[in-house]
Every structure is written in C-alpha cells, then in structure tokens.
C-alpha cells in the first residue's frame, strides 16, 4: 500500500485516508455498541476500542488494496 492520493495538488498517504475512515467507522460502531449495552461485558472499554480500530483499519486496508488491484 505504497503511494499517495492527490487532492487539488496536495498529496495524502493512503494510510492516512484509511485511518480517517477507520476512525469514523470505529466511533460509529462504538456508539452503536454502547447503545446496545455491549460495554457492560467488556473488561476495559478503551482497550477494546483500540483493538476495534485496529481490526477496522486492517479491513479497510485490505478492501482498498483489492479495489486498487481490480481497477488497475
């Protein structure tokens, strides 16, 4: 996943773009899990949120790599 994305002449690394998407998805999923009451069964909620972010970031990277390989 080497490379960058050009947006009006500014270059952004792909990892930054996928990280922003993963942060947004993590916040959304954490809010949903809190509303359902899932955090009552979690030992350390901030640690769970970090692990959830890592999993979502990994999924985003795999999806973006698959999309880039199909489109190129």
PDB file of N, CA and C in Angstrom:
ATOM      1  N   UNK A   1       0.836  -1.176   0.000  1.00  0.00           N
ATOM      2  CA  UNK A   1       0.000   0.000   0.000  1.00  0.00           C
ATOM      3  C   UNK A   1       0.881   1.238   0.000  1.00  0.00           C
ATOM      4  N   UNK A   2       1.750   1.312  -0.971  1.00  0.00           N
ATOM      5  CA  UNK A   2       2.637   2.451  -1.099  1.00  0.00           C
ATOM      6  C   UNK A   2       2.040   3.394  -2.126  1.00  0.00           C
ATOM      7  N   UNK A   3       2.092   4.649  -1.828  1.00  0.00           N
ATOM      8  CA  UNK A   3       1.581   5.635  -2.765  1.00  0.00           C
ATOM      9  C   UNK A   3       0.813   6.708  -2.035  1.00  0.00           C
ATOM     10  N   UNK A   4       0.347   7.624  -2.809  1.00  0.00           N
ATOM     11  CA  UNK A   4      -0.403   8.716  -2.228  1.00  0.00           C
ATOM     12  C   UNK A   4      -1.567   9.088  -3.119  1.00  0.00           C
ATOM     13  N   UNK A   5      -2.465   9.858  -2.556  1.00  0.00           N
ATOM     14  CA  UNK A   5      -3.674  10.304  -3.219  1.00  0.00           C
ATOM     15  C   UNK A   5      -3.555  11.809  -3.418  1.00  0.00           C
ATOM     16  N   UNK A   6      -3.760  12.290  -4.623  1.00  0.00           N
ATOM     17  CA  UNK A   6      -3.653  13.711  -4.918  1.00  0.00           C
ATOM     18  C   UNK A   6      -5.035  14.352  -4.844  1.00  0.00           C
ATOM     19  N   UNK A   7      -5.124  15.404  -4.056  1.00  0.00           N
ATOM     20  CA  UNK A   7      -6.377  16.140  -3.901  1.00  0.00           C
ATOM     21  C   UNK A   7      -6.068  17.620  -4.061  1.00  0.00           C
ATOM     22  N   UNK A   8      -6.385  18.178  -5.225  1.00  0.00           N
ATOM     23  CA  UNK A   8      -6.106  19.571  -5.558  1.00  0.00           C
ATOM     24  C   UNK A   8      -4.628  19.926  -5.353  1.00  0.00           C
ATOM     25  N   UNK A   9      -3.751  19.044  -5.774  1.00  0.00           N
ATOM     26  CA  UNK A   9      -2.329  19.305  -5.701  1.00  0.00           C
ATOM     27  C   UNK A   9      -1.671  18.938  -4.386  1.00  0.00           C
ATOM     28  N   UNK A  10      -2.451  18.555  -3.394  1.00  0.00           N
ATOM     29  CA  UNK A  10      -1.882  18.124  -2.110  1.00  0.00           C
ATOM     30  C   UNK A  10      -1.890  16.605  -2.091  1.00  0.00           C
ATOM     31  N   UNK A  11      -0.786  16.036  -1.642  1.00  0.00           N
ATOM     32  CA  UNK A  11      -0.659  14.586  -1.612  1.00  0.00           C
ATOM     33  C   UNK A  11      -0.891  14.059  -0.202  1.00  0.00           C
ATOM     34  N   UNK A  12      -1.749  13.059  -0.104  1.00  0.00           N
ATOM     35  CA  UNK A  12      -2.056  12.426   1.170  1.00  0.00           C
ATOM     36  C   UNK A  12      -1.719  10.944   1.066  1.00  0.00           C
ATOM     37  N   UNK A  13      -1.044  10.395   2.067  1.00  0.00           N
ATOM     38  CA  UNK A  13      -0.749   8.955   2.015  1.00  0.00           C
ATOM     39  C   UNK A  13      -2.025   8.133   2.197  1.00  0.00           C
ATOM     40  N   UNK A  14      -2.035   6.958   1.582  1.00  0.00           N
ATOM     41  CA  UNK A  14      -3.218   6.103   1.660  1.00  0.00           C
ATOM     42  C   UNK A  14      -3.496   5.670   3.088  1.00  0.00           C
ATOM     43  N   UNK A  15      -2.443   5.494   3.885  1.00  0.00           N
ATOM     44  CA  UNK A  15      -2.651   5.078   5.270  1.00  0.00           C
ATOM     45  C   UNK A  15      -3.421   6.140   6.061  1.00  0.00           C
ATOM     46  N   UNK A  16      -3.178   7.407   5.774  1.00  0.00           N
ATOM     47  CA  UNK A  16      -3.907   8.473   6.458  1.00  0.00           C
ATOM     48  C   UNK A  16      -5.382   8.457   6.066  1.00  0.00           C
ATOM     49  N   UNK A  17      -5.656   8.232   4.800  1.00  0.00           N
ATOM     50  CA  UNK A  17      -7.045   8.210   4.335  1.00  0.00           C
ATOM     51  C   UNK A  17      -7.791   7.019   4.943  1.00  0.00           C
ATOM     52  N   UNK A  18      -7.150   5.856   4.932  1.00  0.00           N
ATOM     53  CA  UNK A  18      -7.810   4.690   5.521  1.00  0.00           C
ATOM     54  C   UNK A  18      -7.938   4.829   7.034  1.00  0.00           C
ATOM     55  N   UNK A  19      -6.988   5.496   7.675  1.00  0.00           N
ATOM     56  CA  UNK A  19      -7.082   5.714   9.119  1.00  0.00           C
ATOM     57  C   UNK A  19      -8.261   6.621   9.463  1.00  0.00           C
ATOM     58  N   UNK A  20      -8.474   7.655   8.670  1.00  0.00           N
ATOM     59  CA  UNK A  20      -9.616   8.536   8.917  1.00  0.00           C
ATOM     60  C   UNK A  20     -10.940   7.803   8.744  1.00  0.00           C
ATOM     61  N   UNK A  21     -11.005   6.963   7.726  1.00  0.00           N
ATOM     62  CA  UNK A  21     -12.217   6.165   7.528  1.00  0.00           C
ATOM     63  C   UNK A  21     -12.412   5.197   8.685  1.00  0.00           C
ATOM     64  N   UNK A  22     -11.316   4.585   9.147  1.00  0.00           N
ATOM     65  CA  UNK A  22     -11.395   3.638  10.260  1.00  0.00           C
ATOM     66  C   UNK A  22     -11.781   4.333  11.562  1.00  0.00           C
ATOM     67  N   UNK A  23     -11.288   5.536  11.786  1.00  0.00           N
ATOM     68  CA  UNK A  23     -11.669   6.287  12.994  1.00  0.00           C
ATOM     69  C   UNK A  23     -13.161   6.582  12.981  1.00  0.00           C
ATOM     70  N   UNK A  24     -13.663   7.042  11.838  1.00  0.00           N
ATOM     71  CA  UNK A  24     -15.089   7.340  11.726  1.00  0.00           C
ATOM     72  C   UNK A  24     -15.934   6.086  11.946  1.00  0.00           C
ATOM     73  N   UNK A  25     -15.524   4.975  11.334  1.00  0.00           N
ATOM     74  CA  UNK A  25     -16.279   3.727  11.490  1.00  0.00           C
ATOM     75  C   UNK A  25     -16.201   3.208  12.929  1.00  0.00           C
ATOM     76  N   UNK A  26     -15.058   3.372  13.574  1.00  0.00           N
ATOM     77  CA  UNK A  26     -14.913   2.932  14.962  1.00  0.00           C
ATOM     78  C   UNK A  26     -15.803   3.742  15.890  1.00  0.00           C
ATOM     79  N   UNK A  27     -15.824   5.043  15.695  1.00  0.00           N
ATOM     80  CA  UNK A  27     -16.694   5.892  16.525  1.00  0.00           C
ATOM     81  C   UNK A  27     -18.160   5.519  16.340  1.00  0.00           C
ATOM     82  N   UNK A  28     -18.537   5.271  15.099  1.00  0.00           N
ATOM     83  CA  UNK A  28     -19.920   4.900  14.811  1.00  0.00           C
ATOM     84  C   UNK A  28     -20.277   3.554  15.444  1.00  0.00           C
ATOM     85  N   UNK A  29     -19.388   2.576  15.308  1.00  0.00           N
ATOM     86  CA  UNK A  29     -19.641   1.249  15.863  1.00  0.00           C
ATOM     87  C   UNK A  29     -19.592   1.261  17.392  1.00  0.00           C
ATOM     88  N   UNK A  30     -18.688   2.060  17.977  1.00  0.00           N
ATOM     89  CA  UNK A  30     -18.615   2.166  19.438  1.00  0.00           C
ATOM     90  C   UNK A  30     -19.890   2.793  20.006  1.00  0.00           C
ATOM     91  N   UNK A  31     -20.411   3.775  19.306  1.00  0.00           N
ATOM     92  CA  UNK A  31     -21.664   4.395  19.752  1.00  0.00           C
ATOM     93  C   UNK A  31     -22.820   3.403  19.684  1.00  0.00           C
ATOM     94  N   UNK A  32     -22.843   2.606  18.617  1.00  0.00           N
ATOM     95  CA  UNK A  32     -23.876   1.580  18.477  1.00  0.00           C
ATOM     96  C   UNK A  32     -23.745   0.515  19.569  1.00  0.00           C
ATOM     97  N   UNK A  33     -22.514   0.078  19.841  1.00  0.00           N
ATOM     98  CA  UNK A  33     -22.303  -0.932  20.885  1.00  0.00           C
ATOM     99  C   UNK A  33     -22.648  -0.393  22.275  1.00  0.00           C
ATOM    100  N   UNK A  34     -22.376   0.874  22.512  1.00  0.00           N
ATOM    101  CA  UNK A  34     -22.733   1.477  23.796  1.00  0.00           C
ATOM    102  C   UNK A  34     -24.243   1.575  23.960  1.00  0.00           C
ATOM    103  N   UNK A  35     -24.923   1.877  22.886  1.00  0.00           N
ATOM    104  CA  UNK A  35     -26.384   1.986  22.951  1.00  0.00           C
ATOM    105  C   UNK A  35     -27.035   0.632  23.214  1.00  0.00           C
ATOM    106  N   UNK A  36     -26.445  -0.419  22.646  1.00  0.00           N
ATOM    107  CA  UNK A  36     -26.982  -1.766  22.836  1.00  0.00           C
ATOM    108  C   UNK A  36     -26.667  -2.294  24.237  1.00  0.00           C
ATOM    109  N   UNK A  37     -25.590  -1.781  24.840  1.00  0.00           N
ATOM    110  CA  UNK A  37     -25.197  -2.234  26.175  1.00  0.00           C
ATOM    111  C   UNK A  37     -24.091  -3.269  26.155  1.00  0.00           C
ATOM    112  N   UNK A  38     -23.356  -3.327  25.064  1.00  0.00           N
ATOM    113  CA  UNK A  38     -22.293  -4.312  24.919  1.00  0.00           C
ATOM    114  C   UNK A  38     -21.135  -4.051  25.867  1.00  0.00           C
ATOM    115  N   UNK A  39     -20.896  -2.797  26.217  1.00  0.00           N
ATOM    116  CA  UNK A  39     -19.752  -2.452  27.048  1.00  0.00           C
ATOM    117  C   UNK A  39     -19.890  -2.928  28.498  1.00  0.00           C
ATOM    118  N   UNK A  40     -21.039  -3.405  28.876  1.00  0.00           N
ATOM    119  CA  UNK A  40     -21.177  -3.996  30.210  1.00  0.00           C
ATOM    120  C   UNK A  40     -20.394  -5.290  30.324  1.00  0.00           C
ATOM    121  N   UNK A  41     -20.156  -5.946  29.193  1.00  0.00           N
ATOM    122  CA  UNK A  41     -19.458  -7.227  29.187  1.00  0.00           C
ATOM    123  C   UNK A  41     -17.974  -7.093  28.822  1.00  0.00           C
ATOM    124  N   UNK A  42     -17.525  -5.871  28.595  1.00  0.00           N
ATOM    125  CA  UNK A  42     -16.137  -5.637  28.202  1.00  0.00           C
ATOM    126  C   UNK A  42     -15.347  -5.218  29.438  1.00  0.00           C
ATOM    127  N   UNK A  43     -14.158  -5.824  29.599  1.00  0.00           N
ATOM    128  CA  UNK A  43     -13.358  -5.555  30.793  1.00  0.00           C
ATOM    129  C   UNK A  43     -12.770  -4.148  30.777  1.00  0.00           C
ATOM    130  N   UNK A  44     -12.228  -3.717  29.634  1.00  0.00           N
ATOM    131  CA  UNK A  44     -11.560  -2.428  29.537  1.00  0.00           C
ATOM    132  C   UNK A  44     -12.003  -1.753  28.231  1.00  0.00           C
ATOM    133  N   UNK A  45     -13.038  -0.918  28.288  1.00  0.00           N
ATOM    134  CA  UNK A  45     -13.593  -0.342  27.060  1.00  0.00           C
ATOM    135  C   UNK A  45     -12.600   0.437  26.186  1.00  0.00           C
ATOM    136  N   UNK A  46     -11.691   1.270  26.751  1.00  0.00           N
ATOM    137  CA  UNK A  46     -10.740   1.947  25.845  1.00  0.00           C
ATOM    138  C   UNK A  46      -9.811   0.974  25.114  1.00  0.00           C
ATOM    139  N   UNK A  47      -9.396  -0.076  25.784  1.00  0.00           N
ATOM    140  CA  UNK A  47      -8.555  -1.074  25.142  1.00  0.00           C
ATOM    141  C   UNK A  47      -9.336  -1.802  24.045  1.00  0.00           C
ATOM    142  N   UNK A  48     -10.597  -2.069  24.300  1.00  0.00           N
ATOM    143  CA  UNK A  48     -11.452  -2.685  23.293  1.00  0.00           C
ATOM    144  C   UNK A  48     -11.626  -1.765  22.087  1.00  0.00           C
ATOM    145  N   UNK A  49     -11.767  -0.462  22.329  1.00  0.00           N
ATOM    146  CA  UNK A  49     -11.917   0.490  21.232  1.00  0.00           C
ATOM    147  C   UNK A  49     -10.658   0.550  20.360  1.00  0.00           C
ATOM    148  N   UNK A  50      -9.484   0.478  20.985  1.00  0.00           N
ATOM    149  CA  UNK A  50      -8.237   0.478  20.212  1.00  0.00           C
ATOM    150  C   UNK A  50      -8.143  -0.789  19.366  1.00  0.00           C
ATOM    151  N   UNK A  51      -8.491  -1.922  19.954  1.00  0.00           N
ATOM    152  CA  UNK A  51      -8.466  -3.177  19.203  1.00  0.00           C
ATOM    153  C   UNK A  51      -9.490  -3.145  18.060  1.00  0.00           C
ATOM    154  N   UNK A  52     -10.654  -2.568  18.324  1.00  0.00           N
ATOM    155  CA  UNK A  52     -11.667  -2.436  17.283  1.00  0.00           C
ATOM    156  C   UNK A  52     -11.170  -1.552  16.146  1.00  0.00           C
ATOM    157  N   UNK A  53     -10.473  -0.466  16.483  1.00  0.00           N
ATOM    158  CA  UNK A  53      -9.890   0.402  15.462  1.00  0.00           C
ATOM    159  C   UNK A  53      -8.865  -0.351  14.616  1.00  0.00           C
ATOM    160  N   UNK A  54      -8.017  -1.144  15.256  1.00  0.00           N
ATOM    161  CA  UNK A  54      -7.001  -1.908  14.515  1.00  0.00           C
ATOM    162  C   UNK A  54      -7.644  -2.912  13.564  1.00  0.00           C
ATOM    163  N   UNK A  55      -8.697  -3.561  14.000  1.00  0.00           N
ATOM    164  CA  UNK A  55      -9.384  -4.524  13.138  1.00  0.00           C
ATOM    165  C   UNK A  55     -10.038  -3.815  11.955  1.00  0.00           C
ATOM    166  N   UNK A  56     -10.709  -2.703  12.217  1.00  0.00           N
ATOM    167  CA  UNK A  56     -11.375  -1.967  11.145  1.00  0.00           C
ATOM    168  C   UNK A  56     -10.345  -1.377  10.179  1.00  0.00           C
ATOM    169  N   UNK A  57      -9.212  -0.900  10.700  1.00  0.00           N
ATOM    170  CA  UNK A  57      -8.159  -0.379   9.832  1.00  0.00           C
ATOM    171  C   UNK A  57      -7.604  -1.485   8.936  1.00  0.00           C
ATOM    172  N   UNK A  58      -7.403  -2.655   9.482  1.00  0.00           N
ATOM    173  CA  UNK A  58      -6.937  -3.776   8.677  1.00  0.00           C
ATOM    174  C   UNK A  58      -7.918  -4.143   7.579  1.00  0.00           C
ATOM    175  N   UNK A  59      -9.195  -4.144   7.908  1.00  0.00           N
ATOM    176  CA  UNK A  59     -10.223  -4.443   6.903  1.00  0.00           C
ATOM    177  C   UNK A  59     -10.244  -3.365   5.822  1.00  0.00           C
ATOM    178  N   UNK A  60     -10.115  -2.104   6.214  1.00  0.00           N
ATOM    179  CA  UNK A  60     -10.099  -1.016   5.233  1.00  0.00           C
ATOM    180  C   UNK A  60      -8.906  -1.138   4.293  1.00  0.00           C
ATOM    181  N   UNK A  61      -7.744  -1.473   4.831  1.00  0.00           N
ATOM    182  CA  UNK A  61      -6.550  -1.604   4.000  1.00  0.00           C
ATOM    183  C   UNK A  61      -6.711  -2.748   3.006  1.00  0.00           C
ATOM    184  N   UNK A  62      -7.247  -3.871   3.461  1.00  0.00           N
ATOM    185  CA  UNK A  62      -7.458  -4.998   2.555  1.00  0.00           C
ATOM    186  C   UNK A  62      -8.462  -4.641   1.468  1.00  0.00           C
ATOM    187  N   UNK A  63      -9.543  -3.969   1.835  1.00  0.00           N
ATOM    188  CA  UNK A  63     -10.562  -3.595   0.849  1.00  0.00           C
ATOM    189  C   UNK A  63      -9.994  -2.607  -0.167  1.00  0.00           C
ATOM    190  N   UNK A  64      -9.232  -1.609   0.296  1.00  0.00           N
ATOM    191  CA  UNK A  64      -8.656  -0.641  -0.633  1.00  0.00           C
ATOM    192  C   UNK A  64      -7.635  -1.297  -1.550  1.00  0.00           C
ATOM    193  N   UNK A  65      -6.840  -2.236  -1.034  1.00  0.00           N
ATOM    194  CA  UNK A  65      -5.887  -2.929  -1.897  1.00  0.00           C
ATOM    195  C   UNK A  65      -6.595  -3.779  -2.938  1.00  0.00           C
ATOM    196  N   UNK A  66      -7.690  -4.425  -2.556  1.00  0.00           N
ATOM    197  CA  UNK A  66      -8.460  -5.209  -3.523  1.00  0.00           C
ATOM    198  C   UNK A  66      -9.073  -4.309  -4.589  1.00  0.00           C
ATOM    199  N   UNK A  67      -9.609  -3.175  -4.177  1.00  0.00           N
ATOM    200  CA  UNK A  67     -10.222  -2.252  -5.139  1.00  0.00           C
ATOM    201  C   UNK A  67      -9.175  -1.678  -6.081  1.00  0.00           C
ATOM    202  N   UNK A  68      -7.997  -1.337  -5.552  1.00  0.00           N
ATOM    203  CA  UNK A  68      -6.942  -0.777  -6.412  1.00  0.00           C
ATOM    204  C   UNK A  68      -6.434  -1.813  -7.394  1.00  0.00           C
ATOM    205  N   UNK A  69      -6.349  -3.075  -6.968  1.00  0.00           N
ATOM    206  CA  UNK A  69      -5.851  -4.103  -7.882  1.00  0.00           C
ATOM    207  C   UNK A  69      -6.869  -4.422  -8.969  1.00  0.00           C
ATOM    208  N   UNK A  70      -8.139  -4.299  -8.661  1.00  0.00           N
ATOM    209  CA  UNK A  70      -9.182  -4.555  -9.661  1.00  0.00           C
ATOM    210  C   UNK A  70      -9.256  -3.408 -10.655  1.00  0.00           C
ATOM    211  N   UNK A  71      -9.114  -2.169 -10.165  1.00  0.00           N
ATOM    212  CA  UNK A  71      -9.238  -1.013 -11.034  1.00  0.00           C
ATOM    213  C   UNK A  71      -8.002  -0.785 -11.887  1.00  0.00           C
ATOM    214  N   UNK A  72      -6.850  -1.242 -11.449  1.00  0.00           N
ATOM    215  CA  UNK A  72      -5.620  -1.014 -12.236  1.00  0.00           C
ATOM    216  C   UNK A  72      -5.351  -2.137 -13.129  1.00  0.00           C
TER     217      UNK A  72
END
